[in-house]
PDB file of N, CA and C in Angstrom:
ATOM      1  N   MET A   1       0.835  -1.170  -0.001  1.00  0.00           N
ATOM      2  CA  MET A   1       0.003   0.003  -0.002  1.00  0.00           C
ATOM      3  C   MET A   1       0.889   1.240   0.002  1.00  0.00           C
ATOM      4  N   MET A   2       0.544   2.225  -0.832  1.00  0.00           N
ATOM      5  CA  MET A   2       1.331   3.443  -0.936  1.00  0.00           C
ATOM      6  C   MET A   2       0.723   4.508  -0.011  1.00  0.00           C
ATOM      7  N   THR A   3       1.553   5.151   0.770  1.00  0.00           N
ATOM      8  CA  THR A   3       1.070   6.205   1.649  1.00  0.00           C
ATOM      9  C   THR A   3       1.749   7.510   1.312  1.00  0.00           C
ATOM     10  N   GLY A   4       1.103   8.612   1.655  1.00  0.00           N
ATOM     11  CA  GLY A   4       1.692   9.924   1.411  1.00  0.00           C
ATOM     12  C   GLY A   4       2.770  10.232   2.419  1.00  0.00           C
ATOM     13  N   SER A   5       3.704  11.067   2.046  1.00  0.00           N
ATOM     14  CA  SER A   5       4.768  11.453   2.960  1.00  0.00           C
ATOM     15  C   SER A   5       4.300  12.607   3.820  1.00  0.00           C
ATOM     16  N   VAL A   6       4.989  12.823   4.905  1.00  0.00           N
ATOM     17  CA  VAL A   6       4.670  13.933   5.789  1.00  0.00           C
ATOM     18  C   VAL A   6       5.800  14.940   5.696  1.00  0.00           C
ATOM     19  N   ARG A   7       5.460  16.192   5.396  1.00  0.00           N
ATOM     20  CA  ARG A   7       6.459  17.246   5.281  1.00  0.00           C
ATOM     21  C   ARG A   7       6.926  17.651   6.673  1.00  0.00           C
ATOM     22  N   GLU A   8       7.948  18.518   6.706  1.00  0.00           N
ATOM     23  CA  GLU A   8       8.472  19.008   7.976  1.00  0.00           C
ATOM     24  C   GLU A   8       7.415  19.688   8.821  1.00  0.00           C
ATOM     25  N   ASP A   9       6.429  20.351   8.181  1.00  0.00           N
ATOM     26  CA  ASP A   9       5.410  21.071   8.945  1.00  0.00           C
ATOM     27  C   ASP A   9       4.318  20.152   9.474  1.00  0.00           C
ATOM     28  N   GLY A  10       4.421  18.838   9.186  1.00  0.00           N
ATOM     29  CA  GLY A  10       3.475  17.882   9.732  1.00  0.00           C
ATOM     30  C   GLY A  10       2.248  17.636   8.866  1.00  0.00           C
ATOM     31  N   PHE A  11       2.132  18.307   7.724  1.00  0.00           N
ATOM     32  CA  PHE A  11       0.989  18.119   6.842  1.00  0.00           C
ATOM     33  C   PHE A  11       1.352  17.124   5.750  1.00  0.00           C
ATOM     34  N   ALA A  12       0.411  16.279   5.400  1.00  0.00           N
ATOM     35  CA  ALA A  12       0.642  15.285   4.352  1.00  0.00           C
ATOM     36  C   ALA A  12       0.877  15.991   3.032  1.00  0.00           C
ATOM     37  N   SER A  13       1.870  15.522   2.269  1.00  0.00           N
ATOM     38  CA  SER A  13       2.163  16.127   0.979  1.00  0.00           C
ATOM     39  C   SER A  13       1.414  15.454  -0.140  1.00  0.00           C
ATOM     40  N   SER A  14       0.982  14.228   0.062  1.00  0.00           N
ATOM     41  CA  SER A  14       0.190  13.542  -0.948  1.00  0.00           C
ATOM     42  C   SER A  14      -0.521  12.378  -0.290  1.00  0.00           C
ATOM     43  N   GLY A  15      -1.551  11.878  -0.986  1.00  0.00           N
ATOM     44  CA  GLY A  15      -2.315  10.772  -0.446  1.00  0.00           C
ATOM     45  C   GLY A  15      -3.280  11.244   0.615  1.00  0.00           C
ATOM     46  N   GLY A  16      -4.296  10.461   0.882  1.00  0.00           N
ATOM     47  CA  GLY A  16      -5.272  10.830   1.899  1.00  0.00           C
ATOM     48  C   GLY A  16      -6.102  12.010   1.464  1.00  0.00           C
ATOM     49  N   THR A  17      -6.819  12.572   2.404  1.00  0.00           N
ATOM     50  CA  THR A  17      -7.666  13.720   2.109  1.00  0.00           C
ATOM     51  C   THR A  17      -6.872  14.991   2.276  1.00  0.00           C
ATOM     52  N   GLU A  18      -6.800  15.784   1.223  1.00  0.00           N
ATOM     53  CA  GLU A  18      -6.082  17.052   1.286  1.00  0.00           C
ATOM     54  C   GLU A  18      -6.920  18.080   2.021  1.00  0.00           C
ATOM     55  N   MET A  19      -6.272  18.965   2.750  1.00  0.00           N
ATOM     56  CA  MET A  19      -6.963  20.015   3.467  1.00  0.00           C
ATOM     57  C   MET A  19      -6.889  21.307   2.669  1.00  0.00           C
ATOM     58  N   SER A  20      -7.908  22.131   2.803  1.00  0.00           N
ATOM     59  CA  SER A  20      -7.900  23.440   2.164  1.00  0.00           C
ATOM     60  C   SER A  20      -6.988  24.365   2.965  1.00  0.00           C
ATOM     61  N   PRO A  21      -6.579  25.507   2.385  1.00  0.00           N
ATOM     62  CA  PRO A  21      -5.759  26.454   3.141  1.00  0.00           C
ATOM     63  C   PRO A  21      -6.445  26.900   4.430  1.00  0.00           C
ATOM     64  N   GLU A  22      -7.770  27.060   4.367  1.00  0.00           N
ATOM     65  CA  GLU A  22      -8.499  27.491   5.554  1.00  0.00           C
ATOM     66  C   GLU A  22      -8.392  26.476   6.685  1.00  0.00           C
ATOM     67  N   GLN A  23      -8.390  25.190   6.321  1.00  0.00           N
ATOM     68  CA  GLN A  23      -8.281  24.146   7.322  1.00  0.00           C
ATOM     69  C   GLN A  23      -6.866  24.033   7.871  1.00  0.00           C
ATOM     70  N   ARG A  24      -5.875  24.329   7.033  1.00  0.00           N
ATOM     71  CA  ARG A  24      -4.477  24.241   7.449  1.00  0.00           C
ATOM     72  C   ARG A  24      -4.075  25.383   8.366  1.00  0.00           C
ATOM     73  N   VAL A  25      -4.692  26.534   8.204  1.00  0.00           N
ATOM     74  CA  VAL A  25      -4.264  27.725   8.928  1.00  0.00           C
ATOM     75  C   VAL A  25      -5.007  27.810  10.252  1.00  0.00           C
ATOM     76  N   PRO A  26      -4.312  27.621  11.364  1.00  0.00           N
ATOM     77  CA  PRO A  26      -4.980  27.605  12.654  1.00  0.00           C
ATOM     78  C   PRO A  26      -5.644  28.932  13.015  1.00  0.00           C
ATOM     79  N   GLU A  27      -5.132  30.052  12.504  1.00  0.00           N
ATOM     80  CA  GLU A  27      -5.689  31.353  12.836  1.00  0.00           C
ATOM     81  C   GLU A  27      -6.992  31.642  12.095  1.00  0.00           C
ATOM     82  N   TRP A  28      -7.323  30.818  11.094  1.00  0.00           N
ATOM     83  CA  TRP A  28      -8.461  31.107  10.213  1.00  0.00           C
ATOM     84  C   TRP A  28      -9.764  31.132  10.990  1.00  0.00           C
ATOM     85  N   GLY A  29     -10.077  30.082  11.726  1.00  0.00           N
ATOM     86  CA  GLY A  29     -11.256  30.042  12.566  1.00  0.00           C
ATOM     87  C   GLY A  29     -12.557  29.818  11.818  1.00  0.00           C
ATOM     88  N   GLY A  30     -12.564  29.860  10.493  1.00  0.00           N
ATOM     89  CA  GLY A  30     -13.743  29.538   9.717  1.00  0.00           C
ATOM     90  C   GLY A  30     -14.709  30.661   9.478  1.00  0.00           C
ATOM     91  N   ASP A  31     -14.848  31.610  10.393  1.00  0.00           N
ATOM     92  CA  ASP A  31     -15.841  32.665  10.226  1.00  0.00           C
ATOM     93  C   ASP A  31     -15.135  33.956   9.870  1.00  0.00           C
ATOM     94  N   HIS A  32     -14.632  34.026   8.632  1.00  0.00           N
ATOM     95  CA  HIS A  32     -13.770  35.126   8.206  1.00  0.00           C
ATOM     96  C   HIS A  32     -14.503  36.438   7.987  1.00  0.00           C
ATOM     97  N   LEU A  33     -15.832  36.438   7.980  1.00  0.00           N
ATOM     98  CA  LEU A  33     -16.549  37.698   7.783  1.00  0.00           C
ATOM     99  C   LEU A  33     -17.166  38.224   9.075  1.00  0.00           C
ATOM    100  N   ALA A  34     -17.078  37.460  10.156  1.00  0.00           N
ATOM    101  CA  ALA A  34     -17.685  37.881  11.417  1.00  0.00           C
ATOM    102  C   ALA A  34     -17.006  39.111  11.983  1.00  0.00           C
ATOM    103  N   ASP A  35     -15.700  39.266  11.742  1.00  0.00           N
ATOM    104  CA  ASP A  35     -14.965  40.400  12.267  1.00  0.00           C
ATOM    105  C   ASP A  35     -14.388  41.196  11.109  1.00  0.00           C
ATOM    106  N   PRO A  36     -15.163  42.121  10.538  1.00  0.00           N
ATOM    107  CA  PRO A  36     -14.665  42.872   9.399  1.00  0.00           C
ATOM    108  C   PRO A  36     -13.568  43.853   9.748  1.00  0.00           C
ATOM    109  N   GLY A  37     -13.257  44.003  11.031  1.00  0.00           N
ATOM    110  CA  GLY A  37     -12.234  44.952  11.439  1.00  0.00           C
ATOM    111  C   GLY A  37     -10.834  44.549  11.009  1.00  0.00           C
ATOM    112  N   GLY A  38     -10.587  43.278  10.784  1.00  0.00           N
ATOM    113  CA  GLY A  38      -9.291  42.818  10.322  1.00  0.00           C
ATOM    114  C   GLY A  38      -8.179  43.058  11.313  1.00  0.00           C
ATOM    115  N   VAL A  39      -7.983  42.141  12.237  1.00  0.00           N
ATOM    116  CA  VAL A  39      -6.950  42.276  13.246  1.00  0.00           C
ATOM    117  C   VAL A  39      -5.966  41.148  13.074  1.00  0.00           C
ATOM    118  N   ASP A  40      -4.665  41.478  13.082  1.00  0.00           N
ATOM    119  CA  ASP A  40      -3.659  40.431  12.929  1.00  0.00           C
ATOM    120  C   ASP A  40      -3.389  39.771  14.280  1.00  0.00           C
ATOM    121  N   LEU A  41      -2.428  38.875  14.319  1.00  0.00           N
ATOM    122  CA  LEU A  41      -2.156  38.118  15.537  1.00  0.00           C
ATOM    123  C   LEU A  41      -1.655  38.984  16.676  1.00  0.00           C
ATOM    124  N   ASP A  42      -1.109  40.153  16.375  1.00  0.00           N
ATOM    125  CA  ASP A  42      -0.633  41.063  17.412  1.00  0.00           C
ATOM    126  C   ASP A  42      -1.726  42.003  17.890  1.00  0.00           C
ATOM    127  N   GLY A  43      -2.937  41.883  17.327  1.00  0.00           N
ATOM    128  CA  GLY A  43      -4.039  42.753  17.711  1.00  0.00           C
ATOM    129  C   GLY A  43      -4.080  44.060  16.944  1.00  0.00           C
ATOM    130  N   ASP A  44      -3.219  44.208  15.933  1.00  0.00           N
ATOM    131  CA  ASP A  44      -3.183  45.421  15.138  1.00  0.00           C
ATOM    132  C   ASP A  44      -4.177  45.322  13.981  1.00  0.00           C
ATOM    133  N   THR A  45      -4.802  46.446  13.623  1.00  0.00           N
ATOM    134  CA  THR A  45      -5.708  46.472  12.488  1.00  0.00           C
ATOM    135  C   THR A  45      -4.903  46.310  11.209  1.00  0.00           C
ATOM    136  N   VAL A  46      -5.412  45.481  10.290  1.00  0.00           N
ATOM    137  CA  VAL A  46      -4.721  45.205   9.042  1.00  0.00           C
ATOM    138  C   VAL A  46      -5.595  45.694   7.898  1.00  0.00           C
ATOM    139  N   GLY A  47      -5.150  46.747   7.209  1.00  0.00           N
ATOM    140  CA  GLY A  47      -5.881  47.252   6.052  1.00  0.00           C
ATOM    141  C   GLY A  47      -7.018  48.187   6.428  1.00  0.00           C
ATOM    142  N   VAL A  48      -7.372  49.019   5.469  1.00  0.00           N
ATOM    143  CA  VAL A  48      -8.469  49.962   5.621  1.00  0.00           C
ATOM    144  C   VAL A  48      -9.778  49.204   5.478  1.00  0.00           C
ATOM    145  N   ASP A  49     -10.779  49.582   6.277  1.00  0.00           N
ATOM    146  CA  ASP A  49     -12.099  48.991   6.162  1.00  0.00           C
ATOM    147  C   ASP A  49     -12.566  49.155   4.715  1.00  0.00           C
ATOM    148  N   PRO A  50     -12.938  48.057   4.044  1.00  0.00           N
ATOM    149  CA  PRO A  50     -13.330  48.147   2.637  1.00  0.00           C
ATOM    150  C   PRO A  50     -14.486  49.119   2.371  1.00  0.00           C
ATOM    151  N   THR A  51     -15.358  49.315   3.341  1.00  0.00           N
ATOM    152  CA  THR A  51     -16.473  50.240   3.144  1.00  0.00           C
ATOM    153  C   THR A  51     -15.999  51.687   3.038  1.00  0.00           C
ATOM    154  N   GLU A  52     -14.790  51.959   3.513  1.00  0.00           N
ATOM    155  CA  GLU A  52     -14.243  53.326   3.464  1.00  0.00           C
ATOM    156  C   GLU A  52     -13.449  53.589   2.186  1.00  0.00           C
ATOM    157  N   LEU A  53     -13.220  52.568   1.369  1.00  0.00           N
ATOM    158  CA  LEU A  53     -12.456  52.740   0.140  1.00  0.00           C
ATOM    159  C   LEU A  53     -13.330  53.282  -0.980  1.00  0.00           C
ATOM    160  N   THR A  54     -12.727  54.109  -1.841  1.00  0.00           N
ATOM    161  CA  THR A  54     -13.433  54.528  -3.057  1.00  0.00           C
ATOM    162  C   THR A  54     -13.501  53.326  -3.985  1.00  0.00           C
ATOM    163  N   ASP A  55     -14.338  53.390  -5.012  1.00  0.00           N
ATOM    164  CA  ASP A  55     -14.424  52.286  -5.967  1.00  0.00           C
ATOM    165  C   ASP A  55     -13.064  52.000  -6.602  1.00  0.00           C
ATOM    166  N   ASP A  56     -12.344  53.058  -6.997  1.00  0.00           N
ATOM    167  CA  ASP A  56     -11.025  52.874  -7.606  1.00  0.00           C
ATOM    168  C   ASP A  56     -10.044  52.225  -6.640  1.00  0.00           C
ATOM    169  N   ASP A  57     -10.055  52.641  -5.374  1.00  0.00           N
ATOM    170  CA  ASP A  57      -9.167  52.057  -4.376  1.00  0.00           C
ATOM    171  C   ASP A  57      -9.519  50.588  -4.115  1.00  0.00           C
ATOM    172  N   LEU A  58     -10.810  50.287  -4.084  1.00  0.00           N
ATOM    173  CA  LEU A  58     -11.247  48.913  -3.878  1.00  0.00           C
ATOM    174  C   LEU A  58     -10.728  48.011  -4.996  1.00  0.00           C
ATOM    175  N   ILE A  59     -10.872  48.452  -6.230  1.00  0.00           N
ATOM    176  CA  ILE A  59     -10.384  47.681  -7.374  1.00  0.00           C
ATOM    177  C   ILE A  59      -8.863  47.533  -7.306  1.00  0.00           C
ATOM    178  N   ARG A  60      -8.160  48.617  -6.968  1.00  0.00           N
ATOM    179  CA  ARG A  60      -6.697  48.559  -6.872  1.00  0.00           C
ATOM    180  C   ARG A  60      -6.262  47.552  -5.800  1.00  0.00           C
ATOM    181  N   GLU A  61      -6.937  47.553  -4.651  1.00  0.00           N
ATOM    182  CA  GLU A  61      -6.611  46.602  -3.586  1.00  0.00           C
ATOM    183  C   GLU A  61      -6.862  45.165  -4.030  1.00  0.00           C
ATOM    184  N   MET A  62      -7.954  44.930  -4.742  1.00  0.00           N
ATOM    185  CA  MET A  62      -8.238  43.578  -5.223  1.00  0.00           C
ATOM    186  C   MET A  62      -7.199  43.136  -6.256  1.00  0.00           C
ATOM    187  N   HIS A  63      -6.799  44.058  -7.143  1.00  0.00           N
ATOM    188  CA  HIS A  63      -5.741  43.730  -8.113  1.00  0.00           C
ATOM    189  C   HIS A  63      -4.471  43.314  -7.382  1.00  0.00           C
ATOM    190  N   SER A  64      -4.112  44.042  -6.358  1.00  0.00           N
ATOM    191  CA  SER A  64      -2.899  43.741  -5.614  1.00  0.00           C
ATOM    192  C   SER A  64      -2.967  42.354  -4.983  1.00  0.00           C
ATOM    193  N   LEU A  65      -4.093  42.039  -4.351  1.00  0.00           N
ATOM    194  CA  LEU A  65      -4.242  40.731  -3.721  1.00  0.00           C
ATOM    195  C   LEU A  65      -4.216  39.592  -4.746  1.00  0.00           C
ATOM    196  N   HIS A  66      -4.897  39.788  -5.843  1.00  0.00           N
ATOM    197  CA  HIS A  66      -4.927  38.729  -6.847  1.00  0.00           C
ATOM    198  C   HIS A  66      -3.561  38.552  -7.525  1.00  0.00           C
ATOM    199  N   ARG A  67      -2.822  39.635  -7.646  1.00  0.00           N
ATOM    200  CA  ARG A  67      -1.484  39.559  -8.249  1.00  0.00           C
ATOM    201  C   ARG A  67      -0.536  38.743  -7.359  1.00  0.00           C
ATOM    202  N   THR A  68      -0.711  38.818  -6.044  1.00  0.00           N
ATOM    203  CA  THR A  68       0.187  38.126  -5.116  1.00  0.00           C
ATOM    204  C   THR A  68      -0.375  36.802  -4.614  1.00  0.00           C
ATOM    205  N   ARG A  69      -1.535  36.408  -5.109  1.00  0.00           N
ATOM    206  CA  ARG A  69      -2.232  35.227  -4.596  1.00  0.00           C
ATOM    207  C   ARG A  69      -1.410  33.949  -4.633  1.00  0.00           C
ATOM    208  N   LEU A  70      -0.894  33.578  -5.776  1.00  0.00           N
ATOM    209  CA  LEU A  70      -0.194  32.308  -5.904  1.00  0.00           C
ATOM    210  C   LEU A  70       1.066  32.274  -5.046  1.00  0.00           C
ATOM    211  N   ASP A  71       1.820  33.358  -5.055  1.00  0.00           N
ATOM    212  CA  ASP A  71       3.036  33.419  -4.246  1.00  0.00           C
ATOM    213  C   ASP A  71       2.701  33.283  -2.766  1.00  0.00           C
ATOM    214  N   THR A  72       1.641  33.938  -2.323  1.00  0.00           N
ATOM    215  CA  THR A  72       1.227  33.855  -0.916  1.00  0.00           C
ATOM    216  C   THR A  72       0.796  32.433  -0.578  1.00  0.00           C
ATOM    217  N   LEU A  73      -0.005  31.831  -1.449  1.00  0.00           N
ATOM    218  CA  LEU A  73      -0.490  30.470  -1.217  1.00  0.00           C
ATOM    219  C   LEU A  73       0.673  29.476  -1.132  1.00  0.00           C
ATOM    220  N   ARG A  74       1.648  29.636  -2.007  1.00  0.00           N
ATOM    221  CA  ARG A  74       2.741  28.670  -2.076  1.00  0.00           C
ATOM    222  C   ARG A  74       3.845  28.890  -1.058  1.00  0.00           C
ATOM    223  N   HIS A  75       4.106  30.153  -0.680  1.00  0.00           N
ATOM    224  CA  HIS A  75       5.326  30.398   0.073  1.00  0.00           C
ATOM    225  C   HIS A  75       5.186  31.185   1.371  1.00  0.00           C
ATOM    226  N   ALA A  76       4.052  31.781   1.638  1.00  0.00           N
ATOM    227  CA  ALA A  76       3.931  32.628   2.830  1.00  0.00           C
ATOM    228  C   ALA A  76       3.678  31.796   4.084  1.00  0.00           C
ATOM    229  N   ALA A  77       3.982  32.393   5.210  1.00  0.00           N
ATOM    230  CA  ALA A  77       3.692  31.761   6.493  1.00  0.00           C
ATOM    231  C   ALA A  77       2.181  31.605   6.641  1.00  0.00           C
ATOM    232  N   ASP A  78       1.775  30.649   7.477  1.00  0.00           N
ATOM    233  CA  ASP A  78       0.343  30.411   7.681  1.00  0.00           C
ATOM    234  C   ASP A  78      -0.403  31.664   8.124  1.00  0.00           C
ATOM    235  N   SER A  79       0.198  32.473   8.975  1.00  0.00           N
ATOM    236  CA  SER A  79      -0.478  33.691   9.433  1.00  0.00           C
ATOM    237  C   SER A  79      -0.655  34.683   8.279  1.00  0.00           C
ATOM    238  N   ALA A  80       0.325  34.766   7.382  1.00  0.00           N
ATOM    239  CA  ALA A  80       0.203  35.650   6.220  1.00  0.00           C
ATOM    240  C   ALA A  80      -0.868  35.146   5.269  1.00  0.00           C
ATOM    241  N   LEU A  81      -0.944  33.830   5.086  1.00  0.00           N
ATOM    242  CA  LEU A  81      -1.983  33.259   4.232  1.00  0.00           C
ATOM    243  C   LEU A  81      -3.360  33.509   4.836  1.00  0.00           C
ATOM    244  N   ALA A  82      -3.489  33.356   6.139  1.00  0.00           N
ATOM    245  CA  ALA A  82      -4.769  33.624   6.807  1.00  0.00           C
ATOM    246  C   ALA A  82      -5.185  35.072   6.601  1.00  0.00           C
ATOM    247  N   ASN A  83      -4.248  36.005   6.732  1.00  0.00           N
ATOM    248  CA  ASN A  83      -4.542  37.412   6.524  1.00  0.00           C
ATOM    249  C   ASN A  83      -4.947  37.668   5.080  1.00  0.00           C
ATOM    250  N   HIS A  84      -4.249  37.035   4.139  1.00  0.00           N
ATOM    251  CA  HIS A  84      -4.546  37.193   2.719  1.00  0.00           C
ATOM    252  C   HIS A  84      -5.960  36.690   2.402  1.00  0.00           C
ATOM    253  N   LEU A  85      -6.313  35.539   2.935  1.00  0.00           N
ATOM    254  CA  LEU A  85      -7.644  34.970   2.724  1.00  0.00           C
ATOM    255  C   LEU A  85      -8.730  35.883   3.310  1.00  0.00           C
ATOM    256  N   ARG A  86      -8.482  36.373   4.523  1.00  0.00           N
ATOM    257  CA  ARG A  86      -9.450  37.248   5.183  1.00  0.00           C
ATOM    258  C   ARG A  86      -9.639  38.541   4.406  1.00  0.00           C
ATOM    259  N   ARG A  87      -8.538  39.138   4.013  1.00  0.00           N
ATOM    260  CA  ARG A  87      -8.601  40.423   3.298  1.00  0.00           C
ATOM    261  C   ARG A  87      -9.266  40.261   1.928  1.00  0.00           C
ATOM    262  N   THR A  88      -8.957  39.186   1.234  1.00  0.00           N
ATOM    263  CA  THR A  88      -9.591  38.923  -0.054  1.00  0.00           C
ATOM    264  C   THR A  88     -11.097  38.794   0.115  1.00  0.00           C
ATOM    265  N   ALA A  89     -11.530  38.048   1.114  1.00  0.00           N
ATOM    266  CA  ALA A  89     -12.966  37.879   1.370  1.00  0.00           C
ATOM    267  C   ALA A  89     -13.624  39.216   1.688  1.00  0.00           C
ATOM    268  N   GLU A  90     -12.975  40.046   2.492  1.00  0.00           N
ATOM    269  CA  GLU A  90     -13.544  41.356   2.840  1.00  0.00           C
ATOM    270  C   GLU A  90     -13.718  42.225   1.596  1.00  0.00           C
ATOM    271  N   LEU A  91     -12.664  42.309   0.789  1.00  0.00           N
ATOM    272  CA  LEU A  91     -12.712  43.187  -0.382  1.00  0.00           C
ATOM    273  C   LEU A  91     -13.707  42.681  -1.422  1.00  0.00           C
ATOM    274  N   GLU A  92     -13.712  41.380  -1.668  1.00  0.00           N
ATOM    275  CA  GLU A  92     -14.629  40.834  -2.665  1.00  0.00           C
ATOM    276  C   GLU A  92     -16.081  40.933  -2.203  1.00  0.00           C
ATOM    277  N   THR A  93     -16.325  40.757  -0.924  1.00  0.00           N
ATOM    278  CA  THR A  93     -17.670  40.920  -0.382  1.00  0.00           C
ATOM    279  C   THR A  93     -18.152  42.349  -0.551  1.00  0.00           C
ATOM    280  N   GLU A  94     -17.281  43.309  -0.299  1.00  0.00           N
ATOM    281  CA  GLU A  94     -17.636  44.722  -0.483  1.00  0.00           C
ATOM    282  C   GLU A  94     -17.900  45.025  -1.953  1.00  0.00           C
ATOM    283  N   TYR A  95     -17.065  44.466  -2.844  1.00  0.00           N
ATOM    284  CA  TYR A  95     -17.280  44.685  -4.273  1.00  0.00           C
ATOM    285  C   TYR A  95     -18.649  44.160  -4.690  1.00  0.00           C
ATOM    286  N   LEU A  96     -18.992  42.963  -4.269  1.00  0.00           N
ATOM    287  CA  LEU A  96     -20.289  42.385  -4.633  1.00  0.00           C
ATOM    288  C   LEU A  96     -21.452  43.174  -4.031  1.00  0.00           C
ATOM    289  N   ALA A  97     -21.272  43.711  -2.837  1.00  0.00           N
ATOM    290  CA  ALA A  97     -22.320  44.535  -2.226  1.00  0.00           C
ATOM    291  C   ALA A  97     -22.543  45.812  -3.029  1.00  0.00           C
ATOM    292  N   ARG A  98     -21.466  46.370  -3.563  1.00  0.00           N
ATOM    293  CA  ARG A  98     -21.579  47.602  -4.354  1.00  0.00           C
ATOM    294  C   ARG A  98     -22.070  47.343  -5.767  1.00  0.00           C
ATOM    295  N   ASN A  99     -21.889  46.145  -6.256  1.00  0.00           N
ATOM    296  CA  ASN A  99     -22.214  45.807  -7.646  1.00  0.00           C
ATOM    297  C   ASN A  99     -23.120  44.581  -7.739  1.00  0.00           C
ATOM    298  N   PRO A 100     -24.308  44.632  -7.130  1.00  0.00           N
ATOM    299  CA  PRO A 100     -25.172  43.450  -7.135  1.00  0.00           C
ATOM    300  C   PRO A 100     -25.659  43.072  -8.527  1.00  0.00           C
ATOM    301  N   GLY A 101     -25.750  44.039  -9.435  1.00  0.00           N
ATOM    302  CA  GLY A 101     -26.197  43.770 -10.792  1.00  0.00           C
ATOM    303  C   GLY A 101     -25.046  43.769 -11.772  1.00  0.00           C
ATOM    304  N   ARG A 102     -23.878  43.313 -11.308  1.00  0.00           N
ATOM    305  CA  ARG A 102     -22.691  43.339 -12.161  1.00  0.00           C
ATOM    306  C   ARG A 102     -22.955  42.605 -13.466  1.00  0.00           C
ATOM    307  N   GLU A 103     -22.307  43.068 -14.500  1.00  0.00           N
ATOM    308  CA  GLU A 103     -22.478  42.462 -15.833  1.00  0.00           C
ATOM    309  C   GLU A 103     -21.754  41.115 -15.873  1.00  0.00           C
ATOM    310  N   VAL A 104     -22.486  40.094 -16.303  1.00  0.00           N
ATOM    311  CA  VAL A 104     -21.910  38.760 -16.426  1.00  0.00           C
ATOM    312  C   VAL A 104     -21.672  38.487 -17.905  1.00  0.00           C
ATOM    313  N   ASP A 105     -20.439  38.132 -18.233  1.00  0.00           N
ATOM    314  CA  ASP A 105     -20.064  37.829 -19.613  1.00  0.00           C
ATOM    315  C   ASP A 105     -20.706  36.507 -20.020  1.00  0.00           C
ATOM    316  N   PRO A 106     -21.560  36.495 -21.045  1.00  0.00           N
ATOM    317  CA  PRO A 106     -22.221  35.265 -21.470  1.00  0.00           C
ATOM    318  C   PRO A 106     -21.248  34.135 -21.839  1.00  0.00           C
ATOM    319  N   SER A 107     -20.049  34.483 -22.282  1.00  0.00           N
ATOM    320  CA  SER A 107     -19.079  33.450 -22.632  1.00  0.00           C
ATOM    321  C   SER A 107     -18.533  32.723 -21.391  1.00  0.00           C
ATOM    322  N   ARG A 108     -18.790  33.284 -20.196  1.00  0.00           N
ATOM    323  CA  ARG A 108     -18.321  32.676 -18.950  1.00  0.00           C
ATOM    324  C   ARG A 108     -19.374  31.750 -18.327  1.00  0.00           C
ATOM    325  N   LEU A 109     -20.547  31.632 -18.961  1.00  0.00           N
ATOM    326  CA  LEU A 109     -21.609  30.794 -18.427  1.00  0.00           C
ATOM    327  C   LEU A 109     -21.485  29.372 -18.948  1.00  0.00           C
ATOM    328  N   ARG A 110     -21.886  28.432 -18.137  1.00  0.00           N
ATOM    329  CA  ARG A 110     -21.889  27.027 -18.542  1.00  0.00           C
ATOM    330  C   ARG A 110     -23.298  26.634 -18.951  1.00  0.00           C
ATOM    331  N   ASP A 111     -23.391  25.646 -19.811  1.00  0.00           N
ATOM    332  CA  ASP A 111     -24.709  25.142 -20.189  1.00  0.00           C
ATOM    333  C   ASP A 111     -25.345  24.443 -18.986  1.00  0.00           C
ATOM    334  N   ALA A 112     -26.639  24.635 -18.838  1.00  0.00           N
ATOM    335  CA  ALA A 112     -27.354  24.051 -17.689  1.00  0.00           C
ATOM    336  C   ALA A 112     -27.554  22.578 -17.811  1.00  0.00           C
TER     337      ALA A 112
END
């Protein structure tokens, strides 16, 4: 029987059930929208409240997060990944609240 190896951080590298980043990050806690204030592990506020951003600033912040997404997922410390996930959720939630009737590109739809 083939089994997955265990990396130095104690997480399985292959085989078995893979965990999502949210499950791997102990600071995540699962309820990432309950505290929109955004506090890091030291108790400091992280980032401007998305409701206070202009539309242009909101888009710029989302561009920045999406540009650094893969690098953060692959190489950042668990606390940095948790912050990235939380901040992305905050900004995207605010964008959707501001744009409930956003234009959907028909080429992006799947057949039912």
